[in-house]
């Protein structure tokens, strides 16, 4: 079996492991029980979910994001770079050759992602209140993802990096369920719960903005 085949199986196995563990963790949340709701619905849970994944994602709808717009923008660009790294990983494993123009676009997004990730890491280190609130996982997760983006970027230039890139991807997928990176699943799960709860109560969408 070739090294590439081993790495491909390693990535697939790590992804499967990640999905299984995250699924188990997600299902475990249902064992916590659910408080009964006695009040009559004042709104729509569905409308609340739509808001949570629509207007509710905009920075001016979030007090913290509105006050830290550059950090919000950096986070968006960072996650766009991460998504691109994952898509590029798929092309590597499937041996799909990208056209030069598309490859350039991939590189640009990866560069933006790396810069954004490093900038967010530096901010966490330099700002006393963020440093106080940060644990080892905050730094490890950031460094790990930054390294993933950097290796993805270098892999677009030279085939010699097509080995380290899948290796760091395997490490990342294995680590995801055990650290803050699991928010890649739980973020969406909690947004649904957020939308259902406040939508049913008629709090979201904001009554003043329904018209």
N, C-alpha and C. Protein backbone atom coordinates (compact mmCIF):
# COMPACT_ATOMS: atom_id res chain seq x y z
N UNK A 1 0.84 -1.20 0.00
CA UNK A 1 0.00 0.00 0.00
C UNK A 1 0.88 1.25 0.00
N UNK A 2 0.57 2.18 -0.88
CA UNK A 2 1.37 3.39 -1.00
C UNK A 2 1.15 4.33 0.19
N UNK A 3 2.08 5.27 0.37
CA UNK A 3 1.95 6.25 1.45
C UNK A 3 0.70 7.10 1.27
N UNK A 4 0.41 7.44 0.01
CA UNK A 4 -0.79 8.24 -0.26
C UNK A 4 -2.05 7.49 0.16
N UNK A 5 -2.10 6.19 -0.13
CA UNK A 5 -3.27 5.39 0.24
C UNK A 5 -3.42 5.32 1.76
N UNK A 6 -2.29 5.21 2.46
CA UNK A 6 -2.32 5.16 3.92
C UNK A 6 -2.85 6.48 4.48
N UNK A 7 -2.36 7.59 3.93
CA UNK A 7 -2.81 8.91 4.38
C UNK A 7 -4.29 9.12 4.09
N UNK A 8 -4.72 8.65 2.92
CA UNK A 8 -6.12 8.78 2.54
C UNK A 8 -7.02 8.02 3.52
N UNK A 9 -6.61 6.78 3.84
CA UNK A 9 -7.37 5.99 4.80
C UNK A 9 -7.34 6.63 6.18
N UNK A 10 -6.18 7.22 6.51
CA UNK A 10 -6.05 7.89 7.80
C UNK A 10 -6.99 9.06 7.93
N UNK A 11 -7.10 9.85 6.88
CA UNK A 11 -8.01 11.00 6.89
C UNK A 11 -9.46 10.52 7.01
N UNK A 12 -9.82 9.52 6.21
CA UNK A 12 -11.19 9.01 6.24
C UNK A 12 -11.52 8.43 7.61
N UNK A 13 -10.57 7.70 8.20
CA UNK A 13 -10.79 7.11 9.53
C UNK A 13 -10.94 8.19 10.59
N UNK A 14 -10.11 9.23 10.50
CA UNK A 14 -10.18 10.31 11.49
C UNK A 14 -11.48 11.10 11.36
N UNK A 15 -11.94 11.29 10.13
CA UNK A 15 -13.22 11.98 9.90
C UNK A 15 -14.37 11.15 10.48
N UNK A 16 -14.33 9.84 10.23
CA UNK A 16 -15.37 8.94 10.75
C UNK A 16 -15.36 8.95 12.28
N UNK A 17 -14.16 8.89 12.86
CA UNK A 17 -14.02 8.94 14.31
C UNK A 17 -14.61 10.23 14.86
N UNK A 18 -14.27 11.33 14.22
CA UNK A 18 -14.75 12.64 14.63
C UNK A 18 -16.27 12.70 14.59
N UNK A 19 -16.86 12.24 13.51
CA UNK A 19 -18.31 12.29 13.35
C UNK A 19 -19.02 11.40 14.37
N UNK A 20 -18.47 10.21 14.62
CA UNK A 20 -19.09 9.29 15.57
C UNK A 20 -19.07 9.88 16.98
N UNK A 21 -17.91 10.39 17.39
CA UNK A 21 -17.79 10.95 18.74
C UNK A 21 -18.70 12.18 18.90
N UNK A 22 -18.72 13.04 17.89
CA UNK A 22 -19.57 14.23 17.97
C UNK A 22 -21.05 13.86 18.00
N UNK A 23 -21.41 12.82 17.25
CA UNK A 23 -22.80 12.36 17.25
C UNK A 23 -23.20 11.84 18.62
N UNK A 24 -22.30 11.07 19.23
CA UNK A 24 -22.56 10.55 20.58
C UNK A 24 -22.71 11.70 21.58
N UNK A 25 -21.82 12.68 21.49
CA UNK A 25 -21.89 13.84 22.39
C UNK A 25 -23.19 14.61 22.19
N UNK A 26 -23.60 14.72 20.93
CA UNK A 26 -24.83 15.43 20.62
C UNK A 26 -26.04 14.70 21.20
N UNK A 27 -26.05 13.38 21.04
CA UNK A 27 -27.16 12.58 21.55
C UNK A 27 -27.20 12.60 23.07
N UNK A 28 -26.04 12.72 23.69
CA UNK A 28 -25.99 12.76 25.15
C UNK A 28 -26.71 13.99 25.72
N UNK A 29 -26.76 15.04 24.94
CA UNK A 29 -27.43 16.26 25.43
C UNK A 29 -28.93 16.02 25.64
N UNK A 30 -29.48 15.03 24.93
CA UNK A 30 -30.91 14.75 25.08
C UNK A 30 -31.20 14.03 26.40
N UNK A 31 -30.15 13.50 27.05
CA UNK A 31 -30.36 12.80 28.32
C UNK A 31 -30.48 13.78 29.49
N UNK A 32 -30.21 15.05 29.23
CA UNK A 32 -30.30 16.05 30.30
C UNK A 32 -31.75 16.37 30.66
N UNK A 33 -32.66 15.94 29.83
CA UNK A 33 -34.06 16.24 30.07
C UNK A 33 -34.44 17.59 29.49
N UNK A 34 -35.71 17.86 29.51
CA UNK A 34 -36.22 19.10 28.93
C UNK A 34 -37.33 19.66 29.81
N UNK A 35 -37.19 20.91 30.17
CA UNK A 35 -38.20 21.53 31.01
C UNK A 35 -39.49 21.75 30.21
N UNK A 36 -40.63 21.44 30.82
CA UNK A 36 -41.90 21.66 30.11
C UNK A 36 -42.19 23.15 29.96
N UNK A 37 -42.83 23.48 28.87
CA UNK A 37 -43.23 24.87 28.63
C UNK A 37 -44.73 24.98 28.88
N UNK A 38 -45.09 25.85 29.80
CA UNK A 38 -46.49 25.99 30.20
C UNK A 38 -47.20 27.13 29.46
N UNK A 39 -46.45 28.14 29.10
CA UNK A 39 -47.05 29.29 28.44
C UNK A 39 -47.42 28.95 27.00
N UNK A 40 -48.47 29.57 26.51
CA UNK A 40 -48.87 29.37 25.13
C UNK A 40 -47.85 30.04 24.20
N UNK A 41 -47.59 29.45 23.05
CA UNK A 41 -46.64 30.06 22.10
C UNK A 41 -47.08 31.47 21.70
N UNK A 42 -46.14 32.38 21.69
CA UNK A 42 -46.42 33.76 21.29
C UNK A 42 -45.84 34.06 19.91
N UNK A 43 -45.14 33.08 19.35
CA UNK A 43 -44.52 33.28 18.05
C UNK A 43 -44.25 31.94 17.39
N UNK A 44 -43.35 31.93 16.43
CA UNK A 44 -43.05 30.73 15.66
C UNK A 44 -41.62 30.27 15.91
N UNK A 45 -41.47 29.00 16.30
CA UNK A 45 -40.13 28.43 16.48
C UNK A 45 -39.37 28.43 15.16
N UNK A 46 -40.08 28.14 14.08
CA UNK A 46 -39.44 28.12 12.76
C UNK A 46 -38.92 29.50 12.40
N UNK A 47 -39.72 30.52 12.66
CA UNK A 47 -39.29 31.89 12.38
C UNK A 47 -38.07 32.24 13.21
N UNK A 48 -38.03 31.71 14.44
CA UNK A 48 -36.87 31.96 15.30
C UNK A 48 -35.61 31.32 14.74
N UNK A 49 -35.75 30.11 14.19
CA UNK A 49 -34.61 29.42 13.60
C UNK A 49 -34.12 30.17 12.36
N UNK A 50 -35.07 30.61 11.53
CA UNK A 50 -34.71 31.38 10.33
C UNK A 50 -33.95 32.63 10.72
N UNK A 51 -34.42 33.30 11.77
CA UNK A 51 -33.72 34.50 12.24
C UNK A 51 -32.32 34.15 12.75
N UNK A 52 -32.23 33.06 13.52
CA UNK A 52 -30.95 32.67 14.12
C UNK A 52 -29.88 32.42 13.07
N UNK A 53 -30.29 31.88 11.92
CA UNK A 53 -29.32 31.58 10.86
C UNK A 53 -29.33 32.63 9.75
N UNK A 54 -30.15 33.66 9.92
CA UNK A 54 -30.21 34.72 8.92
C UNK A 54 -29.77 36.04 9.49
N UNK A 55 -30.74 36.91 9.75
CA UNK A 55 -30.42 38.24 10.29
C UNK A 55 -29.66 38.16 11.60
N UNK A 56 -29.93 37.12 12.38
CA UNK A 56 -29.27 36.98 13.67
C UNK A 56 -27.78 36.74 13.58
N UNK A 57 -27.29 36.43 12.38
CA UNK A 57 -25.85 36.20 12.18
C UNK A 57 -25.11 37.50 11.87
N UNK A 58 -25.84 38.55 11.57
CA UNK A 58 -25.21 39.82 11.20
C UNK A 58 -24.65 40.52 12.44
N UNK A 59 -23.54 41.21 12.27
CA UNK A 59 -22.84 41.79 13.43
C UNK A 59 -23.66 42.78 14.23
N UNK A 60 -24.50 43.58 13.56
CA UNK A 60 -25.27 44.58 14.30
C UNK A 60 -26.42 43.96 15.10
N UNK A 61 -26.65 42.67 14.91
CA UNK A 61 -27.65 41.97 15.71
C UNK A 61 -27.03 41.35 16.96
N UNK A 62 -25.71 41.44 17.06
CA UNK A 62 -24.99 40.89 18.21
C UNK A 62 -24.20 42.01 18.87
N UNK A 63 -24.46 42.23 20.14
CA UNK A 63 -23.82 43.35 20.83
C UNK A 63 -22.30 43.25 20.80
N UNK A 64 -21.77 42.08 21.11
CA UNK A 64 -20.32 41.92 21.16
C UNK A 64 -19.70 42.08 19.78
N UNK A 65 -20.32 41.46 18.76
CA UNK A 65 -19.78 41.56 17.40
C UNK A 65 -19.84 42.99 16.90
N UNK A 66 -20.90 43.70 17.22
CA UNK A 66 -21.04 45.09 16.78
C UNK A 66 -19.95 45.98 17.38
N UNK A 67 -19.53 45.64 18.59
CA UNK A 67 -18.50 46.42 19.27
C UNK A 67 -17.09 46.02 18.86
N UNK A 68 -16.98 44.87 18.20
CA UNK A 68 -15.66 44.38 17.76
C UNK A 68 -15.77 43.91 16.31
N UNK A 69 -16.11 44.85 15.44
CA UNK A 69 -16.42 44.52 14.05
C UNK A 69 -15.24 43.91 13.31
N UNK A 70 -14.01 44.38 13.63
CA UNK A 70 -12.84 43.84 12.93
C UNK A 70 -12.56 42.41 13.36
N UNK A 71 -12.80 42.11 14.62
CA UNK A 71 -12.64 40.74 15.10
C UNK A 71 -13.68 39.84 14.45
N UNK A 72 -14.90 40.37 14.33
CA UNK A 72 -15.98 39.62 13.66
C UNK A 72 -15.60 39.32 12.22
N UNK A 73 -15.11 40.34 11.51
CA UNK A 73 -14.70 40.17 10.11
C UNK A 73 -13.55 39.18 10.01
N UNK A 74 -12.60 39.27 10.94
CA UNK A 74 -11.48 38.34 10.94
C UNK A 74 -11.94 36.92 11.16
N UNK A 75 -12.93 36.74 12.03
CA UNK A 75 -13.47 35.41 12.27
C UNK A 75 -14.15 34.83 11.04
N UNK A 76 -14.89 35.67 10.33
CA UNK A 76 -15.56 35.23 9.10
C UNK A 76 -14.52 34.79 8.07
N UNK A 77 -13.49 35.60 7.88
CA UNK A 77 -12.44 35.28 6.91
C UNK A 77 -11.66 34.03 7.34
N UNK A 78 -11.44 33.90 8.63
CA UNK A 78 -10.73 32.74 9.17
C UNK A 78 -11.50 31.46 8.85
N UNK A 79 -12.79 31.48 9.11
CA UNK A 79 -13.60 30.29 8.84
C UNK A 79 -13.76 30.02 7.35
N UNK A 80 -13.75 31.08 6.54
CA UNK A 80 -13.79 30.89 5.09
C UNK A 80 -12.52 30.17 4.63
N UNK A 81 -11.40 30.55 5.22
CA UNK A 81 -10.14 29.88 4.91
C UNK A 81 -10.14 28.43 5.34
N UNK A 82 -10.73 28.15 6.50
CA UNK A 82 -10.81 26.77 6.99
C UNK A 82 -11.66 25.92 6.05
N UNK A 83 -12.80 26.47 5.63
CA UNK A 83 -13.65 25.75 4.68
C UNK A 83 -12.90 25.46 3.40
N UNK A 84 -12.14 26.43 2.92
CA UNK A 84 -11.37 26.24 1.70
C UNK A 84 -10.31 25.16 1.89
N UNK A 85 -9.68 25.13 3.06
CA UNK A 85 -8.67 24.11 3.34
C UNK A 85 -9.28 22.72 3.30
N UNK A 86 -10.49 22.59 3.84
CA UNK A 86 -11.17 21.29 3.83
C UNK A 86 -11.55 20.88 2.41
N UNK A 87 -12.01 21.83 1.62
CA UNK A 87 -12.36 21.52 0.23
C UNK A 87 -11.11 21.15 -0.56
N UNK A 88 -10.01 21.85 -0.30
CA UNK A 88 -8.76 21.54 -0.99
C UNK A 88 -8.26 20.16 -0.57
N UNK A 89 -8.44 19.81 0.71
CA UNK A 89 -8.06 18.48 1.17
C UNK A 89 -8.81 17.41 0.40
N UNK A 90 -10.09 17.65 0.15
CA UNK A 90 -10.89 16.70 -0.62
C UNK A 90 -10.35 16.54 -2.04
N UNK A 91 -9.93 17.64 -2.66
CA UNK A 91 -9.37 17.55 -4.02
C UNK A 91 -8.06 16.79 -4.02
N UNK A 92 -7.29 16.95 -2.94
CA UNK A 92 -6.01 16.22 -2.83
C UNK A 92 -6.27 14.72 -2.72
N UNK A 93 -7.19 14.35 -1.86
CA UNK A 93 -7.48 12.93 -1.64
C UNK A 93 -8.11 12.29 -2.86
N UNK A 94 -8.89 13.06 -3.60
CA UNK A 94 -9.55 12.53 -4.80
C UNK A 94 -8.70 12.72 -6.05
N UNK A 95 -7.50 13.29 -5.87
CA UNK A 95 -6.57 13.54 -6.97
C UNK A 95 -7.22 14.39 -8.08
N UNK A 96 -7.90 15.43 -7.66
CA UNK A 96 -8.52 16.35 -8.61
C UNK A 96 -7.58 17.52 -8.86
N UNK A 97 -7.22 17.74 -10.11
CA UNK A 97 -6.34 18.85 -10.47
C UNK A 97 -7.18 20.10 -10.71
N UNK A 98 -6.85 21.17 -10.02
CA UNK A 98 -7.61 22.41 -10.16
C UNK A 98 -7.02 23.28 -11.26
N UNK A 99 -7.87 23.96 -12.02
CA UNK A 99 -7.38 24.92 -13.02
C UNK A 99 -6.57 26.01 -12.33
N UNK A 100 -5.65 26.60 -13.07
CA UNK A 100 -4.74 27.60 -12.50
C UNK A 100 -5.50 28.76 -11.85
N UNK A 101 -6.55 29.23 -12.51
CA UNK A 101 -7.32 30.35 -11.97
C UNK A 101 -7.98 29.99 -10.65
N UNK A 102 -8.56 28.81 -10.60
CA UNK A 102 -9.22 28.36 -9.38
C UNK A 102 -8.20 28.13 -8.27
N UNK A 103 -7.05 27.61 -8.64
CA UNK A 103 -5.99 27.37 -7.66
C UNK A 103 -5.51 28.68 -7.04
N UNK A 104 -5.46 29.72 -7.86
CA UNK A 104 -5.08 31.03 -7.34
C UNK A 104 -6.10 31.54 -6.33
N UNK A 105 -7.37 31.32 -6.62
CA UNK A 105 -8.43 31.73 -5.70
C UNK A 105 -8.31 30.97 -4.37
N UNK A 106 -7.98 29.69 -4.47
CA UNK A 106 -7.78 28.87 -3.26
C UNK A 106 -6.64 29.44 -2.43
N UNK A 107 -5.55 29.78 -3.10
CA UNK A 107 -4.39 30.34 -2.40
C UNK A 107 -4.72 31.65 -1.70
N UNK A 108 -5.46 32.49 -2.38
CA UNK A 108 -5.82 33.79 -1.80
C UNK A 108 -6.64 33.60 -0.53
N UNK A 109 -7.63 32.71 -0.60
CA UNK A 109 -8.47 32.47 0.58
C UNK A 109 -7.67 31.85 1.72
N UNK A 110 -6.74 30.96 1.37
CA UNK A 110 -5.92 30.33 2.40
C UNK A 110 -4.99 31.35 3.05
N UNK A 111 -4.42 32.24 2.24
CA UNK A 111 -3.56 33.29 2.79
C UNK A 111 -4.35 34.19 3.74
N UNK A 112 -5.55 34.58 3.30
CA UNK A 112 -6.40 35.42 4.14
C UNK A 112 -6.75 34.69 5.44
N UNK A 113 -7.01 33.38 5.32
CA UNK A 113 -7.32 32.59 6.50
C UNK A 113 -6.17 32.52 7.48
N UNK A 114 -4.96 32.30 6.96
CA UNK A 114 -3.77 32.23 7.82
C UNK A 114 -3.54 33.56 8.53
N UNK A 115 -3.60 34.64 7.77
CA UNK A 115 -3.39 35.98 8.34
C UNK A 115 -4.43 36.27 9.42
N UNK A 116 -5.69 35.93 9.14
CA UNK A 116 -6.76 36.18 10.11
C UNK A 116 -6.56 35.35 11.37
N UNK A 117 -6.20 34.08 11.19
CA UNK A 117 -5.98 33.20 12.34
C UNK A 117 -4.85 33.67 13.22
N UNK A 118 -3.74 34.05 12.60
CA UNK A 118 -2.58 34.54 13.36
C UNK A 118 -2.93 35.84 14.07
N UNK A 119 -3.67 36.72 13.38
CA UNK A 119 -4.06 38.00 13.98
C UNK A 119 -4.94 37.78 15.20
N UNK A 120 -5.88 36.84 15.11
CA UNK A 120 -6.75 36.54 16.24
C UNK A 120 -5.96 35.93 17.40
N UNK A 121 -4.96 35.12 17.07
CA UNK A 121 -4.11 34.53 18.10
C UNK A 121 -3.29 35.61 18.82
N UNK A 122 -2.73 36.53 18.04
CA UNK A 122 -1.95 37.63 18.62
C UNK A 122 -2.83 38.50 19.52
N UNK A 123 -4.05 38.76 19.06
CA UNK A 123 -4.98 39.55 19.87
C UNK A 123 -5.25 38.86 21.20
N UNK A 124 -5.44 37.55 21.15
CA UNK A 124 -5.71 36.79 22.38
C UNK A 124 -4.53 36.87 23.34
N UNK A 125 -3.33 36.86 22.79
CA UNK A 125 -2.13 36.90 23.62
C UNK A 125 -1.89 38.29 24.20
N UNK A 126 -2.12 39.31 23.39
CA UNK A 126 -1.77 40.67 23.80
C UNK A 126 -2.80 41.35 24.69
N UNK A 127 -4.07 41.01 24.52
CA UNK A 127 -5.09 41.68 25.33
C UNK A 127 -5.24 40.99 26.69
N UNK A 128 -4.97 41.71 27.77
CA UNK A 128 -4.97 41.11 29.12
C UNK A 128 -6.25 40.36 29.48
N UNK A 129 -7.41 40.96 29.17
CA UNK A 129 -8.67 40.32 29.55
C UNK A 129 -8.92 39.03 28.77
N UNK A 130 -8.49 39.00 27.50
CA UNK A 130 -8.64 37.78 26.71
C UNK A 130 -7.65 36.72 27.17
N UNK A 131 -6.44 37.17 27.49
CA UNK A 131 -5.42 36.24 27.98
C UNK A 131 -5.86 35.60 29.29
N UNK A 132 -6.51 36.40 30.14
CA UNK A 132 -6.99 35.90 31.43
C UNK A 132 -8.07 34.84 31.24
N UNK A 133 -8.93 35.04 30.24
CA UNK A 133 -10.05 34.12 30.01
C UNK A 133 -9.65 32.89 29.19
N UNK A 134 -8.48 32.91 28.58
CA UNK A 134 -8.07 31.85 27.67
C UNK A 134 -7.39 30.69 28.40
N UNK A 135 -7.70 29.49 27.94
CA UNK A 135 -7.05 28.30 28.46
C UNK A 135 -6.14 27.70 27.40
N UNK A 136 -5.49 26.62 27.75
CA UNK A 136 -4.58 25.97 26.81
C UNK A 136 -5.26 25.55 25.52
N UNK A 137 -6.51 25.11 25.63
CA UNK A 137 -7.25 24.66 24.45
C UNK A 137 -7.47 25.79 23.45
N UNK A 138 -7.66 27.02 23.96
CA UNK A 138 -7.87 28.17 23.07
C UNK A 138 -6.65 28.38 22.18
N UNK A 139 -5.48 28.27 22.77
CA UNK A 139 -4.24 28.47 22.01
C UNK A 139 -3.95 27.28 21.10
N UNK A 140 -4.12 26.07 21.66
CA UNK A 140 -3.82 24.87 20.88
C UNK A 140 -4.71 24.77 19.65
N UNK A 141 -6.00 25.03 19.82
CA UNK A 141 -6.93 24.95 18.70
C UNK A 141 -6.57 25.96 17.62
N UNK A 142 -6.23 27.17 18.03
CA UNK A 142 -5.87 28.21 17.06
C UNK A 142 -4.59 27.84 16.31
N UNK A 143 -3.57 27.41 17.04
CA UNK A 143 -2.30 27.05 16.41
C UNK A 143 -2.48 25.86 15.47
N UNK A 144 -3.26 24.88 15.91
CA UNK A 144 -3.48 23.68 15.10
C UNK A 144 -4.16 24.03 13.78
N UNK A 145 -5.19 24.86 13.84
CA UNK A 145 -5.91 25.25 12.63
C UNK A 145 -5.04 26.15 11.75
N UNK A 146 -4.28 27.05 12.37
CA UNK A 146 -3.37 27.90 11.60
C UNK A 146 -2.36 27.05 10.84
N UNK A 147 -1.86 26.01 11.51
CA UNK A 147 -0.90 25.11 10.87
C UNK A 147 -1.56 24.35 9.72
N UNK A 148 -2.80 23.95 9.92
CA UNK A 148 -3.55 23.28 8.85
C UNK A 148 -3.68 24.17 7.63
N UNK A 149 -4.03 25.43 7.85
CA UNK A 149 -4.16 26.39 6.75
C UNK A 149 -2.82 26.63 6.07
N UNK A 150 -1.77 26.76 6.86
CA UNK A 150 -0.45 27.03 6.31
C UNK A 150 0.04 25.86 5.46
N UNK A 151 -0.16 24.64 5.94
CA UNK A 151 0.26 23.47 5.17
C UNK A 151 -0.60 23.28 3.93
N UNK A 152 -1.88 23.63 4.02
CA UNK A 152 -2.73 23.59 2.84
C UNK A 152 -2.22 24.56 1.79
N UNK A 153 -1.85 25.75 2.25
CA UNK A 153 -1.32 26.77 1.34
C UNK A 153 -0.04 26.30 0.67
N UNK A 154 0.89 25.78 1.45
CA UNK A 154 2.16 25.32 0.87
C UNK A 154 1.96 24.13 -0.06
N UNK A 155 0.93 23.32 0.23
CA UNK A 155 0.65 22.17 -0.63
C UNK A 155 0.14 22.58 -2.00
N UNK A 156 -0.35 23.81 -2.12
CA UNK A 156 -0.79 24.29 -3.44
C UNK A 156 0.40 24.68 -4.32
N UNK A 157 1.57 24.80 -3.69
CA UNK A 157 2.76 25.20 -4.44
C UNK A 157 3.71 24.04 -4.72
N UNK A 158 3.78 23.08 -3.80
CA UNK A 158 4.73 21.98 -3.97
C UNK A 158 4.13 20.65 -3.50
N UNK A 159 4.37 19.60 -4.26
CA UNK A 159 3.82 18.29 -3.94
C UNK A 159 4.46 17.68 -2.71
N UNK A 160 5.63 18.16 -2.32
CA UNK A 160 6.30 17.61 -1.14
C UNK A 160 5.49 17.86 0.13
N UNK A 161 4.60 18.85 0.09
CA UNK A 161 3.78 19.16 1.26
C UNK A 161 2.46 18.40 1.26
N UNK A 162 2.27 17.53 0.26
CA UNK A 162 1.05 16.74 0.20
C UNK A 162 1.06 15.59 1.20
N UNK A 163 2.17 15.42 1.92
CA UNK A 163 2.23 14.44 3.01
C UNK A 163 1.94 15.11 4.35
N UNK A 164 2.64 16.19 4.70
CA UNK A 164 2.35 16.86 5.99
C UNK A 164 0.92 17.39 6.08
N UNK A 165 0.36 17.84 4.96
CA UNK A 165 -0.99 18.41 4.98
C UNK A 165 -2.03 17.40 5.45
N UNK A 166 -2.11 16.19 4.85
CA UNK A 166 -3.07 15.21 5.35
C UNK A 166 -2.77 14.77 6.79
N UNK A 167 -1.49 14.74 7.16
CA UNK A 167 -1.13 14.34 8.53
C UNK A 167 -1.72 15.31 9.55
N UNK A 168 -1.54 16.62 9.31
CA UNK A 168 -2.09 17.61 10.24
C UNK A 168 -3.61 17.60 10.20
N UNK A 169 -4.18 17.24 9.05
CA UNK A 169 -5.64 17.12 8.95
C UNK A 169 -6.14 15.97 9.83
N UNK A 170 -5.41 14.86 9.82
CA UNK A 170 -5.77 13.72 10.67
C UNK A 170 -5.74 14.11 12.14
N UNK A 171 -4.67 14.79 12.53
CA UNK A 171 -4.53 15.24 13.92
C UNK A 171 -5.68 16.17 14.30
N UNK A 172 -6.02 17.06 13.38
CA UNK A 172 -7.10 18.03 13.64
C UNK A 172 -8.44 17.33 13.82
N UNK A 173 -8.76 16.39 12.94
CA UNK A 173 -10.05 15.69 13.03
C UNK A 173 -10.15 14.88 14.33
N UNK A 174 -9.03 14.29 14.74
CA UNK A 174 -9.04 13.52 15.99
C UNK A 174 -9.22 14.45 17.19
N UNK A 175 -8.65 15.64 17.10
CA UNK A 175 -8.70 16.58 18.22
C UNK A 175 -10.05 17.30 18.35
N UNK A 176 -10.74 17.46 17.24
CA UNK A 176 -11.98 18.25 17.23
C UNK A 176 -12.96 17.91 18.35
N UNK A 177 -13.30 16.63 18.59
CA UNK A 177 -14.31 16.34 19.62
C UNK A 177 -13.87 16.65 21.04
N UNK A 178 -12.56 16.81 21.26
CA UNK A 178 -12.05 16.93 22.62
C UNK A 178 -11.70 18.37 23.01
N UNK A 179 -11.91 19.31 22.12
CA UNK A 179 -11.58 20.70 22.42
C UNK A 179 -12.63 21.64 21.87
N UNK A 180 -12.30 22.91 21.85
CA UNK A 180 -13.26 23.93 21.43
C UNK A 180 -13.62 23.83 19.95
N UNK A 181 -12.83 23.09 19.19
CA UNK A 181 -13.13 22.95 17.76
C UNK A 181 -14.43 22.20 17.52
N UNK A 182 -14.94 21.54 18.55
CA UNK A 182 -16.22 20.84 18.37
C UNK A 182 -17.38 21.82 18.16
N UNK A 183 -17.10 23.11 18.31
CA UNK A 183 -18.15 24.09 18.03
C UNK A 183 -18.53 24.08 16.56
N UNK A 184 -17.73 23.42 15.71
CA UNK A 184 -18.09 23.31 14.30
C UNK A 184 -19.42 22.58 14.13
N UNK A 185 -19.81 21.80 15.13
CA UNK A 185 -21.11 21.13 15.13
C UNK A 185 -22.05 21.77 16.15
N UNK A 186 -21.55 21.99 17.34
CA UNK A 186 -22.41 22.48 18.42
C UNK A 186 -22.86 23.92 18.22
N UNK A 187 -22.13 24.68 17.45
CA UNK A 187 -22.57 26.05 17.17
C UNK A 187 -23.93 26.03 16.48
N UNK A 188 -24.05 25.19 15.46
CA UNK A 188 -25.30 25.12 14.69
C UNK A 188 -26.42 24.50 15.54
N UNK A 189 -26.06 23.53 16.35
CA UNK A 189 -27.04 22.89 17.24
C UNK A 189 -27.61 23.91 18.22
N UNK A 190 -26.74 24.69 18.84
CA UNK A 190 -27.20 25.68 19.81
C UNK A 190 -27.96 26.82 19.15
N UNK A 191 -27.62 27.14 17.90
CA UNK A 191 -28.38 28.18 17.19
C UNK A 191 -29.81 27.73 16.94
N UNK A 192 -29.97 26.43 16.66
CA UNK A 192 -31.32 25.89 16.48
C UNK A 192 -32.11 26.00 17.78
N UNK A 193 -31.49 25.59 18.89
CA UNK A 193 -32.16 25.68 20.19
C UNK A 193 -32.49 27.13 20.54
N UNK A 194 -31.56 28.01 20.25
CA UNK A 194 -31.76 29.44 20.48
C UNK A 194 -32.97 29.95 19.70
N UNK A 195 -33.02 29.59 18.41
CA UNK A 195 -34.12 30.03 17.56
C UNK A 195 -35.46 29.46 17.99
N UNK A 196 -35.47 28.18 18.36
CA UNK A 196 -36.71 27.53 18.79
C UNK A 196 -37.25 28.19 20.05
N UNK A 197 -36.38 28.40 21.04
CA UNK A 197 -36.82 28.94 22.33
C UNK A 197 -37.35 30.37 22.20
N UNK A 198 -36.54 31.23 21.61
CA UNK A 198 -36.94 32.64 21.54
C UNK A 198 -37.96 32.90 20.44
N UNK A 199 -37.97 32.05 19.42
CA UNK A 199 -39.00 32.18 18.39
C UNK A 199 -40.37 31.83 18.94
N UNK A 200 -40.43 30.77 19.73
CA UNK A 200 -41.70 30.35 20.33
C UNK A 200 -42.24 31.42 21.28
N UNK A 201 -41.35 32.10 21.96
CA UNK A 201 -41.77 33.13 22.91
C UNK A 201 -42.13 34.44 22.21
N UNK A 202 -41.87 34.51 20.92
CA UNK A 202 -42.19 35.72 20.17
C UNK A 202 -41.18 36.83 20.35
N UNK A 203 -40.02 36.49 20.92
CA UNK A 203 -38.97 37.48 21.13
C UNK A 203 -38.17 37.70 19.85
N UNK A 204 -37.97 36.62 19.11
CA UNK A 204 -37.26 36.67 17.83
C UNK A 204 -38.13 36.05 16.74
N UNK A 205 -38.12 36.64 15.55
CA UNK A 205 -37.49 37.92 15.19
C UNK A 205 -38.06 39.06 16.05
N UNK A 206 -37.27 40.11 16.20
CA UNK A 206 -37.71 41.23 17.01
C UNK A 206 -39.05 41.75 16.50
N UNK A 207 -40.04 41.86 17.39
CA UNK A 207 -41.38 42.31 16.96
C UNK A 207 -41.35 43.60 16.15
N UNK A 208 -40.45 44.51 16.49
CA UNK A 208 -40.39 45.80 15.79
C UNK A 208 -39.88 45.66 14.37
N UNK A 209 -39.27 44.49 14.05
CA UNK A 209 -38.68 44.31 12.73
C UNK A 209 -39.48 43.35 11.86
N UNK A 210 -40.63 42.90 12.37
CA UNK A 210 -41.44 41.97 11.60
C UNK A 210 -42.19 42.65 10.48
N UNK A 211 -42.51 43.90 10.66
CA UNK A 211 -43.31 44.63 9.68
C UNK A 211 -42.52 44.88 8.42
